[in-house]
Amino acid sequence: MATTVDLFAKWGIDTQSPVTDKPFAQVRFSGRETAVIPFTSSSAFVHLHYVDEPGNRGYFRCNGADCVLCRLGVPVEERALVPMYLPSTGSIGIVPVSPSSRPGALRPQLLPFLQSAKKQILFIKKSDQLTFTVGSREADYPDPRGDKITADFQRRLEAGELDLTSVYPSLSNEALARIPGISRMLQLRG
């Protein structure tokens, strides 16, 4: 007879903050342009590990000092999480920005627009894993809906009601240690 388990406990999912209730989602760039409007320079920083295991592929938040992935030597990457208004959907998206300043990186192309007082629409696309292209034009039309959404988001962000890092999943060390490839590496390392 099979043993029953609580999936949330097994997978290390926090049931206190439902993922369906987030007022934002991560923006993923591709070869097609995505329109975004910067409205704040307020952001959060997150440390991430890339996991490449069947059924668990993607970036996961680092668990800090006792992180299983750190102990296994899985590289840590830092991202600044910058909220932006997405005019095509009328919602807020979180743009992950690497600290890299190399040619084609997003950070050096984005900073001038974050510093500008002008309302700009940015058209961002990612042509390969390392290269972004950012075009822009002045947002010369009123967008009362967007202004309300961004003002409400900014108020909630400043009040500490929003956790921008929640755009990336977090697994407890115990849940990570149950992933077969990670479990084997932990056993091999002793």
Protein backbone atom coordinates (compact mmCIF):
# COMPACT_ATOMS: atom_id res chain seq x y z
CA MET A 1 0.00 0.00 0.00
CA ALA A 2 1.30 3.45 -0.94
CA THR A 3 2.01 6.01 1.75
CA THR A 4 0.24 9.35 1.40
CA VAL A 5 2.17 12.59 1.82
CA ASP A 6 1.36 16.29 1.94
CA LEU A 7 2.67 17.67 -1.37
CA PHE A 8 3.30 21.13 0.07
CA ALA A 9 5.49 19.66 2.83
CA LYS A 10 7.26 17.26 0.43
CA TRP A 11 8.05 19.96 -2.09
CA GLY A 12 8.87 22.62 0.51
CA ILE A 13 6.18 25.02 -0.70
CA ASP A 14 5.18 27.89 1.57
CA THR A 15 1.37 27.71 1.87
CA GLN A 16 1.18 31.00 3.77
CA SER A 17 1.74 33.13 0.65
CA PRO A 18 -0.27 31.77 -2.26
CA VAL A 19 1.44 32.22 -5.61
CA THR A 20 -1.86 33.11 -7.30
CA ASP A 21 -2.22 36.25 -5.19
CA LYS A 22 0.92 38.05 -6.41
CA PRO A 23 0.36 41.48 -7.96
CA PHE A 24 3.36 40.89 -10.27
CA ALA A 25 5.19 38.27 -12.32
CA GLN A 26 8.73 37.87 -13.61
CA VAL A 27 9.38 39.35 -17.06
CA ARG A 28 11.19 36.93 -19.36
CA PHE A 29 12.75 38.46 -22.44
CA SER A 30 13.09 36.67 -25.77
CA GLY A 31 13.80 37.52 -29.39
CA ARG A 32 10.51 39.46 -29.51
CA GLU A 33 10.33 42.97 -28.09
CA THR A 34 8.63 43.42 -24.73
CA ALA A 35 7.34 46.90 -23.89
CA VAL A 36 8.02 48.08 -20.33
CA ILE A 37 7.76 51.44 -18.58
CA PRO A 38 10.15 52.10 -15.67
CA PHE A 39 8.45 53.91 -12.81
CA THR A 40 10.74 53.37 -9.82
CA SER A 41 14.36 52.70 -8.98
CA SER A 42 13.27 50.81 -5.85
CA SER A 43 14.28 47.20 -6.15
CA ALA A 44 15.25 44.15 -4.18
CA PHE A 45 18.34 42.00 -4.55
CA VAL A 46 18.17 38.23 -4.63
CA HIS A 47 20.82 35.51 -4.65
CA LEU A 48 19.97 32.60 -6.91
CA HIS A 49 21.22 29.14 -7.82
CA TYR A 50 20.48 27.51 -11.15
CA VAL A 51 19.31 23.93 -10.68
CA ASP A 52 19.34 21.61 -13.68
CA GLU A 53 17.63 18.47 -12.42
CA PRO A 54 14.72 16.66 -14.10
CA GLY A 55 11.52 18.15 -12.70
CA ASN A 56 13.45 20.95 -10.97
CA ARG A 57 15.00 23.09 -13.66
CA GLY A 58 15.44 26.81 -13.15
CA TYR A 59 16.54 29.44 -10.67
CA PHE A 60 15.88 28.97 -6.95
CA ARG A 61 16.55 31.42 -4.14
CA CYS A 62 19.66 30.74 -2.06
CA ASN A 63 18.96 29.57 1.50
CA GLY A 64 21.78 31.64 2.99
CA ALA A 65 24.56 30.49 5.33
CA ASP A 66 23.47 26.83 5.56
CA CYS A 67 22.36 26.49 1.89
CA VAL A 68 22.66 22.96 0.51
CA LEU A 69 23.39 24.30 -2.98
CA CYS A 70 26.19 26.55 -1.66
CA ARG A 71 27.71 23.54 0.15
CA LEU A 72 27.69 21.64 -3.16
CA GLY A 73 29.44 24.52 -4.92
CA VAL A 74 26.51 25.46 -7.16
CA PRO A 75 27.35 29.03 -8.26
CA VAL A 76 25.38 31.90 -6.75
CA GLU A 77 24.12 34.66 -9.03
CA GLU A 78 22.84 38.04 -7.89
CA ARG A 79 19.95 39.86 -9.54
CA ALA A 80 18.39 43.25 -8.90
CA LEU A 81 14.61 42.89 -9.21
CA VAL A 82 13.21 46.03 -10.82
CA PRO A 83 9.44 46.57 -11.02
CA MET A 84 8.19 47.90 -14.36
CA TYR A 85 4.77 48.63 -15.80
CA LEU A 86 3.78 46.39 -18.73
CA PRO A 87 1.52 48.54 -20.91
CA SER A 88 0.46 45.64 -23.15
CA THR A 89 -1.14 43.79 -20.22
CA GLY A 90 -1.78 46.66 -17.81
CA SER A 91 0.17 44.90 -15.07
CA ILE A 92 3.43 45.07 -13.13
CA GLY A 93 6.34 42.87 -14.11
CA ILE A 94 9.60 42.26 -12.27
CA VAL A 95 12.69 42.56 -14.47
CA PRO A 96 15.71 40.62 -13.16
CA VAL A 97 18.91 42.57 -13.85
CA SER A 98 22.38 41.06 -13.58
CA PRO A 99 25.15 43.26 -12.13
CA SER A 100 27.13 42.76 -15.36
CA SER A 101 28.27 45.85 -17.26
CA ARG A 102 29.70 44.00 -20.27
CA PRO A 103 28.64 45.12 -23.77
CA GLY A 104 25.07 44.02 -24.49
CA ALA A 105 24.19 43.53 -20.81
CA LEU A 106 20.85 44.91 -19.62
CA ARG A 107 22.14 46.90 -16.62
CA PRO A 108 24.15 49.60 -18.47
CA GLN A 109 21.36 50.05 -21.02
CA LEU A 110 18.65 50.31 -18.36
CA LEU A 111 20.31 52.67 -15.85
CA PRO A 112 19.93 55.88 -17.90
CA PHE A 113 16.17 55.29 -18.17
CA LEU A 114 15.86 54.61 -14.43
CA GLN A 115 17.68 57.90 -13.75
CA SER A 116 15.59 59.93 -16.20
CA ALA A 117 12.63 61.99 -15.06
CA LYS A 118 10.94 61.44 -18.46
CA LYS A 119 8.32 58.73 -18.79
CA GLN A 120 9.77 56.34 -21.39
CA ILE A 121 8.49 53.19 -23.03
CA LEU A 122 11.34 50.73 -23.39
CA PHE A 123 11.31 47.96 -25.98
CA ILE A 124 13.58 45.20 -24.72
CA LYS A 125 14.53 41.99 -26.45
CA LYS A 126 17.12 39.33 -25.78
CA SER A 127 18.88 38.09 -28.90
CA ASP A 128 20.94 35.41 -27.12
CA GLN A 129 21.80 34.35 -23.55
CA LEU A 130 24.01 37.41 -22.98
CA THR A 131 22.83 40.18 -25.29
CA PHE A 132 19.92 42.58 -24.77
CA THR A 133 18.75 45.34 -27.07
CA VAL A 134 16.90 48.28 -25.54
CA GLY A 135 15.02 50.78 -27.70
CA SER A 136 12.85 53.58 -26.37
CA ARG A 137 10.42 56.33 -27.09
CA GLU A 138 8.84 58.96 -24.91
CA ALA A 139 5.48 57.93 -23.45
CA ASP A 140 3.55 60.84 -24.88
CA TYR A 141 0.05 59.67 -24.03
CA PRO A 142 -1.80 59.73 -20.72
CA ASP A 143 -2.34 56.35 -19.10
CA PRO A 144 -4.58 56.93 -16.05
CA ARG A 145 -4.95 53.18 -15.47
CA GLY A 146 -1.18 52.65 -15.55
CA ASP A 147 -0.57 55.64 -13.31
CA LYS A 148 -3.00 54.25 -10.73
CA ILE A 149 -1.49 50.75 -10.90
CA THR A 150 2.09 52.01 -10.53
CA ALA A 151 1.21 54.43 -7.72
CA ASP A 152 -0.59 51.67 -5.79
CA PHE A 153 2.30 49.26 -6.36
CA GLN A 154 4.86 51.84 -5.20
CA ARG A 155 2.81 52.56 -2.06
CA ARG A 156 2.58 48.83 -1.23
CA LEU A 157 6.29 48.32 -1.96
CA GLU A 158 7.31 51.20 0.35
CA ALA A 159 4.95 49.87 3.06
CA GLY A 160 6.76 46.51 2.96
CA GLU A 161 3.67 44.63 1.78
CA LEU A 162 5.38 43.11 -1.28
CA ASP A 163 8.24 40.66 -1.52
CA LEU A 164 9.80 41.07 -4.96
CA THR A 165 12.00 38.02 -4.42
CA SER A 166 8.91 35.81 -4.48
CA VAL A 167 9.08 35.82 -8.30
CA TYR A 168 11.67 33.06 -7.82
CA PRO A 169 10.75 29.81 -6.08
CA SER A 170 12.30 28.88 -2.78
CA LEU A 171 12.85 25.31 -1.62
CA SER A 172 13.92 24.40 1.88
CA ASN A 173 17.25 22.61 2.30
CA GLU A 174 15.29 19.46 3.16
CA ALA A 175 13.27 19.69 -0.07
CA LEU A 176 16.42 20.35 -2.10
CA ALA A 177 18.13 17.34 -0.49
CA ARG A 178 15.26 15.12 -1.71
CA ILE A 179 15.94 15.97 -5.36
CA PRO A 180 17.68 12.79 -6.65
CA GLY A 181 20.74 14.42 -8.26
CA ILE A 182 21.31 16.74 -5.30
CA SER A 183 20.75 13.89 -2.85
CA ARG A 184 23.41 11.79 -4.61
CA MET A 185 25.90 14.65 -4.59
CA LEU A 186 25.32 15.22 -0.87
CA GLN A 187 25.95 11.51 -0.22
CA LEU A 188 29.11 11.55 -2.34
CA ARG A 189 30.43 14.62 -0.52
CA GLY A 190 29.74 13.04 2.86
